[in-house]
Amino acid sequence: MFTPDERSALRDTLIAAARADDRIEGVALTGSAAAGAEDRWSDIDLAFGLAEGADQAAVIAGWTAAMYDAHGAVAHHDVPRDGTIYRVFLLANTLQVDVAFAPAAEFGAIAPTFRLLFGTAREQPAAAPPEAAGLVSMGWLYALHARSSIERGRAWQAVHMIDGLREQVIALACLHHDLPAWQGRGVDRLPPAVLEPLLGSLVGGLDDATLRRAFAAATEALLTEATHVDPALADRLSGPLRALNRG
């Protein structure tokens, strides 16, 4: 397990290496460290702005080799956004290191958690939150498949579908309360009045009665959140969705 001192030392090493790399013209802290909210479990989040004409693939390949050879990486995963590649590394000591390799034109803040260390940041459109109507649609789609899974006796698939339904509800609730809606980042700040009904949607067993109770709770929560998005749609959905819980 990594220590905060080890995390800080590695971050400083990576920033120094970026300063020495003429293919990189800018570096920013992102994530919790940029917001002054770092804790014992925080990872390293950095954004690199590439120089004009730099070969992004070559830069990523070189840095990836260094992460494995010098810093104990055991695996990595890419998350693309437009022309930027976010490479996420897992280190042997369980530290996560996220490095964004951004073309010069895309190097800039897309969220408040961006603190420029050197170079020039360009204005960027803010990252868009999930679209509420789409979350409602995904919610009722998960509900349909939860019902069919239960009726077919596919308990594990039913658990998967109920969990997916609850995720849409949580994202909707976060949007409604002006909290981060991606990856459950805002869920722990939702009011108890929102979270307590969701306790019933947690599937605690694979028997038919437990699955149906959890499904009913998740469905009612979806209807509640859908009302905040489109009351007329929620009203139209209420009959069919409640009918799903009657088998």
C-alpha atoms as a PDB file:
ATOM      1  CA  MET A   1       0.000   0.000   0.000  1.00  0.00           C
ATOM      2  CA  PHE A   2       1.362   3.394  -0.946  1.00  0.00           C
ATOM      3  CA  THR A   3       1.886   6.181   1.573  1.00  0.00           C
ATOM      4  CA  PRO A   4       1.035   9.862   1.033  1.00  0.00           C
ATOM      5  CA  ASP A   5       4.754  10.663   1.075  1.00  0.00           C
ATOM      6  CA  GLU A   6       5.397   8.102  -1.662  1.00  0.00           C
ATOM      7  CA  ARG A   7       2.559   9.571  -3.692  1.00  0.00           C
ATOM      8  CA  SER A   8       3.918  13.103  -3.323  1.00  0.00           C
ATOM      9  CA  ALA A   9       7.451  12.008  -4.217  1.00  0.00           C
ATOM     10  CA  LEU A  10       6.282  10.226  -7.363  1.00  0.00           C
ATOM     11  CA  ARG A  11       4.145  13.171  -8.429  1.00  0.00           C
ATOM     12  CA  ASP A  12       7.124  15.512  -8.032  1.00  0.00           C
ATOM     13  CA  THR A  13       9.283  13.105 -10.056  1.00  0.00           C
ATOM     14  CA  LEU A  14       6.746  12.966 -12.872  1.00  0.00           C
ATOM     15  CA  ILE A  15       6.369  16.752 -12.971  1.00  0.00           C
ATOM     16  CA  ALA A  16      10.140  17.196 -13.090  1.00  0.00           C
ATOM     17  CA  ALA A  17      10.383  14.666 -15.909  1.00  0.00           C
ATOM     18  CA  ALA A  18       7.671  16.509 -17.835  1.00  0.00           C
ATOM     19  CA  ARG A  19       9.570  19.793 -17.453  1.00  0.00           C
ATOM     20  CA  ALA A  20      12.620  18.101 -18.954  1.00  0.00           C
ATOM     21  CA  ASP A  21      10.664  16.626 -21.878  1.00  0.00           C
ATOM     22  CA  ASP A  22      10.682  19.110 -24.765  1.00  0.00           C
ATOM     23  CA  ARG A  23       7.663  17.366 -26.263  1.00  0.00           C
ATOM     24  CA  ILE A  24       5.585  18.606 -23.300  1.00  0.00           C
ATOM     25  CA  GLU A  25       4.867  22.331 -23.032  1.00  0.00           C
ATOM     26  CA  GLY A  26       2.422  22.413 -20.148  1.00  0.00           C
ATOM     27  CA  VAL A  27       1.530  20.503 -16.998  1.00  0.00           C
ATOM     28  CA  ALA A  28      -1.422  20.874 -14.671  1.00  0.00           C
ATOM     29  CA  LEU A  29      -2.557  19.217 -11.496  1.00  0.00           C
ATOM     30  CA  THR A  30      -6.056  17.839 -11.811  1.00  0.00           C
ATOM     31  CA  GLY A  31      -8.343  15.915  -9.492  1.00  0.00           C
ATOM     32  CA  SER A  32      -8.434  16.227  -5.719  1.00  0.00           C
ATOM     33  CA  ALA A  33      -4.921  17.671  -5.341  1.00  0.00           C
ATOM     34  CA  ALA A  34      -5.844  20.600  -7.584  1.00  0.00           C
ATOM     35  CA  ALA A  35      -8.850  21.326  -5.377  1.00  0.00           C
ATOM     36  CA  GLY A  36      -6.979  20.985  -2.075  1.00  0.00           C
ATOM     37  CA  ALA A  37      -9.112  17.966  -1.231  1.00  0.00           C
ATOM     38  CA  GLU A  38      -6.507  15.210  -1.314  1.00  0.00           C
ATOM     39  CA  ASP A  39      -6.837  12.472   1.301  1.00  0.00           C
ATOM     40  CA  ARG A  40      -5.112   9.218   2.232  1.00  0.00           C
ATOM     41  CA  TRP A  41      -6.697   7.367  -0.689  1.00  0.00           C
ATOM     42  CA  SER A  42      -6.313   9.944  -3.456  1.00  0.00           C
ATOM     43  CA  ASP A  43      -4.518   9.081  -6.668  1.00  0.00           C
ATOM     44  CA  ILE A  44      -2.166  11.164  -8.824  1.00  0.00           C
ATOM     45  CA  ASP A  45      -3.884  13.183 -11.548  1.00  0.00           C
ATOM     46  CA  LEU A  46      -1.816  15.114 -14.074  1.00  0.00           C
ATOM     47  CA  ALA A  47      -2.524  16.708 -17.438  1.00  0.00           C
ATOM     48  CA  PHE A  48       0.250  17.143 -19.997  1.00  0.00           C
ATOM     49  CA  GLY A  49      -0.090  19.638 -22.830  1.00  0.00           C
ATOM     50  CA  LEU A  50       1.900  18.423 -25.809  1.00  0.00           C
ATOM     51  CA  ALA A  51       4.014  20.725 -27.927  1.00  0.00           C
ATOM     52  CA  GLU A  52       2.771  21.579 -31.395  1.00  0.00           C
ATOM     53  CA  GLY A  53       3.805  18.807 -33.750  1.00  0.00           C
ATOM     54  CA  ALA A  54       4.656  16.336 -30.993  1.00  0.00           C
ATOM     55  CA  ASP A  55       3.907  12.713 -31.827  1.00  0.00           C
ATOM     56  CA  GLN A  56       1.269  11.859 -29.238  1.00  0.00           C
ATOM     57  CA  ALA A  57       1.606   8.104 -29.682  1.00  0.00           C
ATOM     58  CA  ALA A  58       5.384   8.282 -29.233  1.00  0.00           C
ATOM     59  CA  VAL A  59       5.069  10.464 -26.125  1.00  0.00           C
ATOM     60  CA  ILE A  60       2.552   8.089 -24.580  1.00  0.00           C
ATOM     61  CA  ALA A  61       4.672   5.069 -25.434  1.00  0.00           C
ATOM     62  CA  GLY A  62       7.773   6.587 -23.844  1.00  0.00           C
ATOM     63  CA  TRP A  63       6.005   7.620 -20.688  1.00  0.00           C
ATOM     64  CA  THR A  64       4.278   4.265 -20.447  1.00  0.00           C
ATOM     65  CA  ALA A  65       7.602   2.459 -20.637  1.00  0.00           C
ATOM     66  CA  ALA A  66       8.938   4.674 -17.845  1.00  0.00           C
ATOM     67  CA  MET A  67       5.905   3.993 -15.672  1.00  0.00           C
ATOM     68  CA  TYR A  68       6.502   0.248 -15.988  1.00  0.00           C
ATOM     69  CA  ASP A  69      10.298   0.246 -15.846  1.00  0.00           C
ATOM     70  CA  ALA A  70      10.889   2.878 -13.183  1.00  0.00           C
ATOM     71  CA  HIS A  71       7.675   3.320 -11.217  1.00  0.00           C
ATOM     72  CA  GLY A  72       6.153  -0.118 -10.739  1.00  0.00           C
ATOM     73  CA  ALA A  73       3.165  -0.021 -13.083  1.00  0.00           C
ATOM     74  CA  VAL A  74       1.470  -3.396 -13.507  1.00  0.00           C
ATOM     75  CA  ALA A  75      -1.404  -2.434 -15.834  1.00  0.00           C
ATOM     76  CA  HIS A  76      -2.915   0.532 -17.650  1.00  0.00           C
ATOM     77  CA  HIS A  77      -6.162   1.563 -19.321  1.00  0.00           C
ATOM     78  CA  ASP A  78      -6.982   4.341 -21.797  1.00  0.00           C
ATOM     79  CA  VAL A  79      -9.947   6.701 -21.661  1.00  0.00           C
ATOM     80  CA  PRO A  80     -10.149   8.919 -24.778  1.00  0.00           C
ATOM     81  CA  ARG A  81     -11.851  12.308 -24.895  1.00  0.00           C
ATOM     82  CA  ASP A  82     -11.722  14.004 -28.286  1.00  0.00           C
ATOM     83  CA  GLY A  83      -8.004  14.057 -29.130  1.00  0.00           C
ATOM     84  CA  THR A  84      -6.835  13.641 -25.542  1.00  0.00           C
ATOM     85  CA  ILE A  85      -5.831  10.249 -24.202  1.00  0.00           C
ATOM     86  CA  TYR A  86      -6.187   9.690 -20.456  1.00  0.00           C
ATOM     87  CA  ARG A  87      -3.882   6.818 -19.561  1.00  0.00           C
ATOM     88  CA  VAL A  88      -4.672   5.323 -16.161  1.00  0.00           C
ATOM     89  CA  PHE A  89      -1.905   3.306 -14.510  1.00  0.00           C
ATOM     90  CA  LEU A  90      -2.169   0.827 -11.650  1.00  0.00           C
ATOM     91  CA  LEU A  91       1.039   0.554  -9.644  1.00  0.00           C
ATOM     92  CA  ALA A  92       2.151  -2.457  -7.639  1.00  0.00           C
ATOM     93  CA  ASN A  93       1.664  -0.479  -4.410  1.00  0.00           C
ATOM     94  CA  THR A  94      -2.023   0.107  -5.412  1.00  0.00           C
ATOM     95  CA  LEU A  95      -1.482   3.762  -6.338  1.00  0.00           C
ATOM     96  CA  GLN A  96      -3.459   4.955  -9.354  1.00  0.00           C
ATOM     97  CA  VAL A  97      -1.733   7.448 -11.655  1.00  0.00           C
ATOM     98  CA  ASP A  98      -3.853   9.234 -14.264  1.00  0.00           C
ATOM     99  CA  VAL A  99      -2.026  11.161 -16.977  1.00  0.00           C
ATOM    100  CA  ALA A 100      -3.856  13.101 -19.679  1.00  0.00           C
ATOM    101  CA  PHE A 101      -1.829  13.512 -22.879  1.00  0.00           C
ATOM    102  CA  ALA A 102      -3.542  16.453 -24.554  1.00  0.00           C
ATOM    103  CA  PRO A 103      -2.793  17.997 -27.939  1.00  0.00           C
ATOM    104  CA  ALA A 104      -1.820  21.641 -27.518  1.00  0.00           C
ATOM    105  CA  ALA A 105      -5.250  22.882 -28.595  1.00  0.00           C
ATOM    106  CA  GLU A 106      -7.006  20.710 -25.981  1.00  0.00           C
ATOM    107  CA  PHE A 107      -4.797  21.510 -22.995  1.00  0.00           C
ATOM    108  CA  GLY A 108      -6.984  23.410 -20.547  1.00  0.00           C
ATOM    109  CA  ALA A 109      -9.563  23.094 -17.805  1.00  0.00           C
ATOM    110  CA  ILE A 110     -12.700  21.079 -18.467  1.00  0.00           C
ATOM    111  CA  ALA A 111     -13.590  21.084 -14.743  1.00  0.00           C
ATOM    112  CA  PRO A 112     -12.776  23.266 -11.713  1.00  0.00           C
ATOM    113  CA  THR A 113     -10.141  20.734 -10.619  1.00  0.00           C
ATOM    114  CA  PHE A 114      -7.368  22.059 -12.885  1.00  0.00           C
ATOM    115  CA  ARG A 115      -4.337  23.927 -11.540  1.00  0.00           C
ATOM    116  CA  LEU A 116      -1.758  25.002 -14.092  1.00  0.00           C
ATOM    117  CA  LEU A 117       1.847  24.373 -13.021  1.00  0.00           C
ATOM    118  CA  PHE A 118       3.548  25.648 -16.147  1.00  0.00           C
ATOM    119  CA  GLY A 119       2.792  26.320 -19.793  1.00  0.00           C
ATOM    120  CA  THR A 120      -0.260  27.863 -21.392  1.00  0.00           C
ATOM    121  CA  ALA A 121      -3.755  26.521 -20.916  1.00  0.00           C
ATOM    122  CA  ARG A 122      -6.343  27.131 -23.611  1.00  0.00           C
ATOM    123  CA  GLU A 123     -10.005  27.700 -22.902  1.00  0.00           C
ATOM    124  CA  GLN A 124     -11.996  24.481 -23.225  1.00  0.00           C
ATOM    125  CA  PRO A 125     -15.699  23.689 -23.140  1.00  0.00           C
ATOM    126  CA  ALA A 126     -16.683  22.281 -19.761  1.00  0.00           C
ATOM    127  CA  ALA A 127     -17.292  18.560 -19.547  1.00  0.00           C
ATOM    128  CA  ALA A 128     -21.008  18.014 -20.014  1.00  0.00           C
ATOM    129  CA  PRO A 129     -22.995  16.184 -17.324  1.00  0.00           C
ATOM    130  CA  PRO A 130     -25.125  13.222 -18.405  1.00  0.00           C
ATOM    131  CA  GLU A 131     -28.379  14.176 -20.074  1.00  0.00           C
ATOM    132  CA  ALA A 132     -31.333  13.685 -17.727  1.00  0.00           C
ATOM    133  CA  ALA A 133     -33.838  12.441 -20.293  1.00  0.00           C
ATOM    134  CA  GLY A 134     -31.360   9.813 -21.434  1.00  0.00           C
ATOM    135  CA  LEU A 135     -30.897   8.616 -17.858  1.00  0.00           C
ATOM    136  CA  VAL A 136     -34.660   8.227 -17.483  1.00  0.00           C
ATOM    137  CA  SER A 137     -34.780   6.231 -20.709  1.00  0.00           C
ATOM    138  CA  MET A 138     -31.949   3.973 -19.599  1.00  0.00           C
ATOM    139  CA  GLY A 139     -33.773   3.556 -16.297  1.00  0.00           C
ATOM    140  CA  TRP A 140     -36.951   2.183 -17.807  1.00  0.00           C
ATOM    141  CA  LEU A 141     -34.918   0.023 -20.180  1.00  0.00           C
ATOM    142  CA  TYR A 142     -33.070  -1.530 -17.226  1.00  0.00           C
ATOM    143  CA  ALA A 143     -36.444  -2.002 -15.540  1.00  0.00           C
ATOM    144  CA  LEU A 144     -37.810  -3.966 -18.491  1.00  0.00           C
ATOM    145  CA  HIS A 145     -34.828  -6.299 -18.426  1.00  0.00           C
ATOM    146  CA  ALA A 146     -34.953  -6.632 -14.650  1.00  0.00           C
ATOM    147  CA  ARG A 147     -38.547  -7.834 -14.919  1.00  0.00           C
ATOM    148  CA  SER A 148     -37.790 -10.377 -17.645  1.00  0.00           C
ATOM    149  CA  SER A 149     -34.726 -11.629 -15.754  1.00  0.00           C
ATOM    150  CA  ILE A 150     -36.762 -12.212 -12.613  1.00  0.00           C
ATOM    151  CA  GLU A 151     -39.545 -13.954 -14.484  1.00  0.00           C
ATOM    152  CA  ARG A 152     -37.060 -16.207 -16.282  1.00  0.00           C
ATOM    153  CA  GLY A 153     -35.421 -17.186 -13.017  1.00  0.00           C
ATOM    154  CA  ARG A 154     -32.131 -15.557 -13.977  1.00  0.00           C
ATOM    155  CA  ALA A 155     -31.326 -14.188 -10.556  1.00  0.00           C
ATOM    156  CA  TRP A 156     -27.809 -12.920 -11.207  1.00  0.00           C
ATOM    157  CA  GLN A 157     -28.898 -11.138 -14.370  1.00  0.00           C
ATOM    158  CA  ALA A 158     -31.749  -9.598 -12.393  1.00  0.00           C
ATOM    159  CA  VAL A 159     -29.238  -8.295  -9.838  1.00  0.00           C
ATOM    160  CA  HIS A 160     -27.214  -6.738 -12.653  1.00  0.00           C
ATOM    161  CA  MET A 161     -30.273  -5.035 -14.130  1.00  0.00           C
ATOM    162  CA  ILE A 162     -31.556  -3.729 -10.792  1.00  0.00           C
ATOM    163  CA  ASP A 163     -28.106  -2.347 -10.026  1.00  0.00           C
ATOM    164  CA  GLY A 164     -28.075  -0.625 -13.430  1.00  0.00           C
ATOM    165  CA  LEU A 165     -31.502   0.855 -12.763  1.00  0.00           C
ATOM    166  CA  ARG A 166     -30.329   2.213  -9.414  1.00  0.00           C
ATOM    167  CA  GLU A 167     -27.271   3.794 -11.065  1.00  0.00           C
ATOM    168  CA  GLN A 168     -29.534   5.800 -13.379  1.00  0.00           C
ATOM    169  CA  VAL A 169     -31.586   6.928 -10.382  1.00  0.00           C
ATOM    170  CA  ILE A 170     -28.468   8.047  -8.518  1.00  0.00           C
ATOM    171  CA  ALA A 171     -27.218  10.024 -11.511  1.00  0.00           C
ATOM    172  CA  LEU A 172     -30.633  11.690 -11.880  1.00  0.00           C
ATOM    173  CA  ALA A 173     -30.712  12.587  -8.191  1.00  0.00           C
ATOM    174  CA  CYS A 174     -27.210  14.065  -8.398  1.00  0.00           C
ATOM    175  CA  LEU A 175     -28.237  16.216 -11.365  1.00  0.00           C
ATOM    176  CA  HIS A 176     -31.346  17.375  -9.503  1.00  0.00           C
ATOM    177  CA  HIS A 177     -29.259  18.398  -6.481  1.00  0.00           C
ATOM    178  CA  ASP A 178     -26.487  20.003  -8.565  1.00  0.00           C
ATOM    179  CA  LEU A 179     -23.910  17.381  -7.600  1.00  0.00           C
ATOM    180  CA  PRO A 180     -21.401  15.517  -9.811  1.00  0.00           C
ATOM    181  CA  ALA A 181     -23.369  12.847 -11.619  1.00  0.00           C
ATOM    182  CA  TRP A 182     -20.609  10.762 -13.178  1.00  0.00           C
ATOM    183  CA  GLN A 183     -19.341   7.615 -11.447  1.00  0.00           C
ATOM    184  CA  GLY A 184     -21.355   8.195  -8.282  1.00  0.00           C
ATOM    185  CA  ARG A 185     -19.092  11.097  -7.297  1.00  0.00           C
ATOM    186  CA  GLY A 186     -21.896  13.093  -5.712  1.00  0.00           C
ATOM    187  CA  VAL A 187     -23.999  10.312  -4.228  1.00  0.00           C
ATOM    188  CA  ASP A 188     -22.688  10.544  -0.668  1.00  0.00           C
ATOM    189  CA  ARG A 189     -23.772  14.183  -0.529  1.00  0.00           C
ATOM    190  CA  LEU A 190     -27.366  13.484  -1.488  1.00  0.00           C
ATOM    191  CA  PRO A 191     -29.893  14.224   1.261  1.00  0.00           C
ATOM    192  CA  PRO A 192     -31.104  11.334   3.446  1.00  0.00           C
ATOM    193  CA  ALA A 193     -34.606  11.711   2.017  1.00  0.00           C
ATOM    194  CA  VAL A 194     -33.206  10.621  -1.361  1.00  0.00           C
ATOM    195  CA  LEU A 195     -30.818   7.937  -0.146  1.00  0.00           C
ATOM    196  CA  GLU A 196     -33.000   6.166   2.413  1.00  0.00           C
ATOM    197  CA  PRO A 197     -35.574   4.871  -0.107  1.00  0.00           C
ATOM    198  CA  LEU A 198     -32.696   3.546  -2.215  1.00  0.00           C
ATOM    199  CA  LEU A 199     -31.652   1.230   0.603  1.00  0.00           C
ATOM    200  CA  GLY A 200     -34.583  -0.956  -0.357  1.00  0.00           C
ATOM    201  CA  SER A 201     -33.175  -1.321  -3.873  1.00  0.00           C
ATOM    202  CA  LEU A 202     -30.008  -3.035  -2.614  1.00  0.00           C
ATOM    203  CA  VAL A 203     -30.320  -6.692  -3.515  1.00  0.00           C
ATOM    204  CA  GLY A 204     -29.459  -8.773  -0.458  1.00  0.00           C
ATOM    205  CA  GLY A 205     -30.235 -12.210  -1.845  1.00  0.00           C
ATOM    206  CA  LEU A 206     -31.120 -14.197  -4.937  1.00  0.00           C
ATOM    207  CA  ASP A 207     -34.529 -15.491  -3.873  1.00  0.00           C
ATOM    208  CA  ASP A 208     -37.557 -14.318  -5.812  1.00  0.00           C
ATOM    209  CA  ALA A 209     -39.101 -12.252  -3.006  1.00  0.00           C
ATOM    210  CA  THR A 210     -35.894 -10.333  -2.320  1.00  0.00           C
ATOM    211  CA  LEU A 211     -35.367  -9.563  -5.995  1.00  0.00           C
ATOM    212  CA  ARG A 212     -38.928  -8.330  -6.377  1.00  0.00           C
ATOM    213  CA  ARG A 213     -38.693  -6.072  -3.305  1.00  0.00           C
ATOM    214  CA  ALA A 214     -35.477  -4.505  -4.545  1.00  0.00           C
ATOM    215  CA  PHE A 215     -36.894  -4.087  -8.044  1.00  0.00           C
ATOM    216  CA  ALA A 216     -40.027  -2.378  -6.730  1.00  0.00           C
ATOM    217  CA  ALA A 217     -37.962   0.049  -4.629  1.00  0.00           C
ATOM    218  CA  ALA A 218     -35.701   0.902  -7.557  1.00  0.00           C
ATOM    219  CA  THR A 219     -38.697   1.430  -9.848  1.00  0.00           C
ATOM    220  CA  GLU A 220     -40.400   3.812  -7.423  1.00  0.00           C
ATOM    221  CA  ALA A 221     -37.152   5.740  -7.030  1.00  0.00           C
ATOM    222  CA  LEU A 222     -36.898   6.104 -10.803  1.00  0.00           C
ATOM    223  CA  LEU A 223     -40.432   7.454 -11.004  1.00  0.00           C
ATOM    224  CA  THR A 224     -39.648   9.964  -8.250  1.00  0.00           C
ATOM    225  CA  GLU A 225     -36.584  11.266 -10.061  1.00  0.00           C
ATOM    226  CA  ALA A 226     -38.325  11.220 -13.448  1.00  0.00           C
ATOM    227  CA  THR A 227     -40.945  13.563 -12.015  1.00  0.00           C
ATOM    228  CA  HIS A 228     -38.226  16.210 -11.528  1.00  0.00           C
ATOM    229  CA  VAL A 229     -37.163  15.855 -15.166  1.00  0.00           C
ATOM    230  CA  ASP A 230     -40.504  15.585 -17.010  1.00  0.00           C
ATOM    231  CA  PRO A 231     -43.676  15.235 -14.922  1.00  0.00           C
ATOM    232  CA  ALA A 232     -45.776  14.252 -17.933  1.00  0.00           C
ATOM    233  CA  LEU A 233     -43.343  11.517 -18.896  1.00  0.00           C
ATOM    234  CA  ALA A 234     -43.190  10.255 -15.319  1.00  0.00           C
ATOM    235  CA  ASP A 235     -46.963  10.064 -15.289  1.00  0.00           C
ATOM    236  CA  ARG A 236     -46.974   8.068 -18.531  1.00  0.00           C
ATOM    237  CA  LEU A 237     -44.303   5.725 -17.201  1.00  0.00           C
ATOM    238  CA  SER A 238     -45.934   5.125 -13.841  1.00  0.00           C
ATOM    239  CA  GLY A 239     -48.549   2.648 -15.052  1.00  0.00           C
ATOM    240  CA  PRO A 240     -46.277   0.420 -17.140  1.00  0.00           C
ATOM    241  CA  LEU A 241     -43.400   0.465 -14.653  1.00  0.00           C
ATOM    242  CA  ARG A 242     -45.603  -0.436 -11.703  1.00  0.00           C
ATOM    243  CA  ALA A 243     -47.188  -3.158 -13.805  1.00  0.00           C
ATOM    244  CA  LEU A 244     -43.741  -4.698 -14.225  1.00  0.00           C
ATOM    245  CA  ASN A 245     -43.690  -5.362 -10.504  1.00  0.00           C
ATOM    246  CA  ARG A 246     -46.935  -7.310 -10.712  1.00  0.00           C
ATOM    247  CA  GLY A 247     -45.297 -10.009 -12.837  1.00  0.00           C
END
